Amino acid sequence: MRQDLLHRAHSGSADERSLAAWVDNLIIENARLADEARWIPVGERMPKVGEDVLIKLPDWVWIGHRTSDGWYSFGSWGTVAVTHWRALTAPPEVTP
């Protein structure tokens, strides 16, 4: 049904086409944000070496980063069993 509505909007008046383009952009942006926020299995892809990320260990979630020969997480190096990771969000802008 949604596809039918979008198809009709794309072939309608200028206002309907403009609205359809806006909806298309929202769908694309939503997919991008969902991909950014997902937990990535380490078997699928690894973060860059040295990039701080959230890491999922068997029993908890922590901040750590990958090294050239393992993982580092606040004093635990190389022996951490990371299953998933995800990028950290940007900190909020603070104005004085």
C-alpha atoms as a PDB file:
ATOM      1  CA  MET A   1       0.000   0.000   0.000  1.00  0.00           C
ATOM      2  CA  ARG A   2       2.811   2.454   0.874  1.00  0.00           C
ATOM      3  CA  GLN A   3       4.513   1.752  -2.462  1.00  0.00           C
ATOM      4  CA  ASP A   4       1.232   2.415  -4.278  1.00  0.00           C
ATOM      5  CA  LEU A   5       0.773   5.738  -2.471  1.00  0.00           C
ATOM      6  CA  LEU A   6       4.352   6.772  -3.263  1.00  0.00           C
ATOM      7  CA  HIS A   7       3.937   5.768  -6.903  1.00  0.00           C
ATOM      8  CA  ARG A   8       0.780   7.875  -7.212  1.00  0.00           C
ATOM      9  CA  ALA A   9       2.471  10.792  -5.438  1.00  0.00           C
ATOM     10  CA  HIS A  10       5.502  10.614  -7.766  1.00  0.00           C
ATOM     11  CA  SER A  11       3.242  10.831 -10.799  1.00  0.00           C
ATOM     12  CA  GLY A  12       0.913  13.512  -9.390  1.00  0.00           C
ATOM     13  CA  SER A  13       1.070  17.292  -9.166  1.00  0.00           C
ATOM     14  CA  ALA A  14       4.232  19.254  -8.402  1.00  0.00           C
ATOM     15  CA  ASP A  15       3.248  19.431  -4.721  1.00  0.00           C
ATOM     16  CA  GLU A  16       2.649  15.673  -4.588  1.00  0.00           C
ATOM     17  CA  ARG A  17       6.008  14.999  -6.292  1.00  0.00           C
ATOM     18  CA  SER A  18       7.737  17.339  -3.842  1.00  0.00           C
ATOM     19  CA  LEU A  19       6.100  15.555  -0.916  1.00  0.00           C
ATOM     20  CA  ALA A  20       7.049  12.157  -2.371  1.00  0.00           C
ATOM     21  CA  ALA A  21      10.694  13.281  -2.745  1.00  0.00           C
ATOM     22  CA  TRP A  22      10.666  14.457   0.891  1.00  0.00           C
ATOM     23  CA  VAL A  23       9.291  11.081   2.032  1.00  0.00           C
ATOM     24  CA  ASP A  24      11.922   9.281  -0.072  1.00  0.00           C
ATOM     25  CA  ASN A  25      14.659  11.299   1.644  1.00  0.00           C
ATOM     26  CA  LEU A  26      13.214  10.483   5.074  1.00  0.00           C
ATOM     27  CA  ILE A  27      13.210   6.762   4.242  1.00  0.00           C
ATOM     28  CA  ILE A  28      16.861   6.942   3.123  1.00  0.00           C
ATOM     29  CA  GLU A  29      17.892   8.911   6.226  1.00  0.00           C
ATOM     30  CA  ASN A  30      16.036   6.497   8.508  1.00  0.00           C
ATOM     31  CA  ALA A  31      17.874   3.539   6.957  1.00  0.00           C
ATOM     32  CA  ARG A  32      21.227   5.340   7.370  1.00  0.00           C
ATOM     33  CA  LEU A  33      20.559   6.109  11.036  1.00  0.00           C
ATOM     34  CA  ALA A  34      19.389   2.561  11.737  1.00  0.00           C
ATOM     35  CA  ASP A  35      22.591   1.204  10.178  1.00  0.00           C
ATOM     36  CA  GLU A  36      24.726   3.636  12.209  1.00  0.00           C
ATOM     37  CA  ALA A  37      23.084   2.591  15.469  1.00  0.00           C
ATOM     38  CA  ARG A  38      23.214  -1.177  15.023  1.00  0.00           C
ATOM     39  CA  TRP A  39      25.580  -3.566  16.768  1.00  0.00           C
ATOM     40  CA  ILE A  40      28.028  -4.990  14.221  1.00  0.00           C
ATOM     41  CA  PRO A  41      29.223  -8.586  14.686  1.00  0.00           C
ATOM     42  CA  VAL A  42      33.031  -8.772  14.711  1.00  0.00           C
ATOM     43  CA  GLY A  43      32.798 -11.514  12.075  1.00  0.00           C
ATOM     44  CA  GLU A  44      31.105  -9.067   9.711  1.00  0.00           C
ATOM     45  CA  ARG A  45      33.384  -6.036  10.030  1.00  0.00           C
ATOM     46  CA  MET A  46      35.930  -4.584  12.444  1.00  0.00           C
ATOM     47  CA  PRO A  47      36.419  -0.956  13.512  1.00  0.00           C
ATOM     48  CA  LYS A  48      39.579   0.897  12.568  1.00  0.00           C
ATOM     49  CA  VAL A  49      42.591   0.190  14.777  1.00  0.00           C
ATOM     50  CA  GLY A  50      42.638   2.698  17.650  1.00  0.00           C
ATOM     51  CA  GLU A  51      39.046   3.917  17.144  1.00  0.00           C
ATOM     52  CA  ASP A  52      37.181   4.028  20.467  1.00  0.00           C
ATOM     53  CA  VAL A  53      33.891   2.122  20.169  1.00  0.00           C
ATOM     54  CA  LEU A  54      31.314   0.441  22.378  1.00  0.00           C
ATOM     55  CA  ILE A  55      32.190  -3.230  22.642  1.00  0.00           C
ATOM     56  CA  LYS A  56      29.879  -6.086  23.598  1.00  0.00           C
ATOM     57  CA  LEU A  57      31.523  -8.716  25.710  1.00  0.00           C
ATOM     58  CA  PRO A  58      29.749 -11.902  26.827  1.00  0.00           C
ATOM     59  CA  ASP A  59      28.636 -10.348  30.142  1.00  0.00           C
ATOM     60  CA  TRP A  60      28.717  -6.585  29.670  1.00  0.00           C
ATOM     61  CA  VAL A  61      29.141  -3.554  27.389  1.00  0.00           C
ATOM     62  CA  TRP A  62      32.203  -1.355  27.656  1.00  0.00           C
ATOM     63  CA  ILE A  63      34.273   1.193  25.743  1.00  0.00           C
ATOM     64  CA  GLY A  64      37.395  -0.097  24.066  1.00  0.00           C
ATOM     65  CA  HIS A  65      39.347  -0.132  20.852  1.00  0.00           C
ATOM     66  CA  ARG A  66      40.980  -2.607  18.546  1.00  0.00           C
ATOM     67  CA  THR A  67      44.761  -2.785  18.462  1.00  0.00           C
ATOM     68  CA  SER A  68      46.915  -4.355  15.774  1.00  0.00           C
ATOM     69  CA  ASP A  69      46.874  -7.649  17.696  1.00  0.00           C
ATOM     70  CA  GLY A  70      43.741  -7.684  19.870  1.00  0.00           C
ATOM     71  CA  TRP A  71      41.389  -5.472  21.822  1.00  0.00           C
ATOM     72  CA  TYR A  72      42.050  -2.997  24.624  1.00  0.00           C
ATOM     73  CA  SER A  73      39.418  -2.122  27.191  1.00  0.00           C
ATOM     74  CA  PHE A  74      40.551  -0.100  30.229  1.00  0.00           C
ATOM     75  CA  GLY A  75      43.266  -2.382  31.518  1.00  0.00           C
ATOM     76  CA  SER A  76      42.163  -5.571  29.782  1.00  0.00           C
ATOM     77  CA  TRP A  77      44.261  -6.074  26.667  1.00  0.00           C
ATOM     78  CA  GLY A  78      44.218  -8.867  24.149  1.00  0.00           C
ATOM     79  CA  THR A  79      42.080 -11.280  26.148  1.00  0.00           C
ATOM     80  CA  VAL A  80      38.711  -9.565  25.819  1.00  0.00           C
ATOM     81  CA  ALA A  81      36.179 -11.733  23.966  1.00  0.00           C
ATOM     82  CA  VAL A  82      34.413  -9.064  21.901  1.00  0.00           C
ATOM     83  CA  THR A  83      31.338 -10.323  20.039  1.00  0.00           C
ATOM     84  CA  HIS A  84      29.926  -7.057  18.634  1.00  0.00           C
ATOM     85  CA  TRP A  85      30.812  -3.371  18.447  1.00  0.00           C
ATOM     86  CA  ARG A  86      29.205  -0.074  17.497  1.00  0.00           C
ATOM     87  CA  ALA A  87      30.380   3.477  16.968  1.00  0.00           C
ATOM     88  CA  LEU A  88      30.214   5.976  19.798  1.00  0.00           C
ATOM     89  CA  THR A  89      27.817   8.844  19.308  1.00  0.00           C
ATOM     90  CA  ALA A  90      29.193  12.349  19.027  1.00  0.00           C
ATOM     91  CA  PRO A  91      29.151  14.257  22.308  1.00  0.00           C
ATOM     92  CA  PRO A  92      26.669  17.108  22.634  1.00  0.00           C
ATOM     93  CA  GLU A  93      27.795  20.616  21.800  1.00  0.00           C
ATOM     94  CA  VAL A  94      28.073  22.678  24.964  1.00  0.00           C
ATOM     95  CA  THR A  95      28.003  26.447  24.773  1.00  0.00           C
ATOM     96  CA  PRO A  96      29.268  28.472  27.716  1.00  0.00           C
END
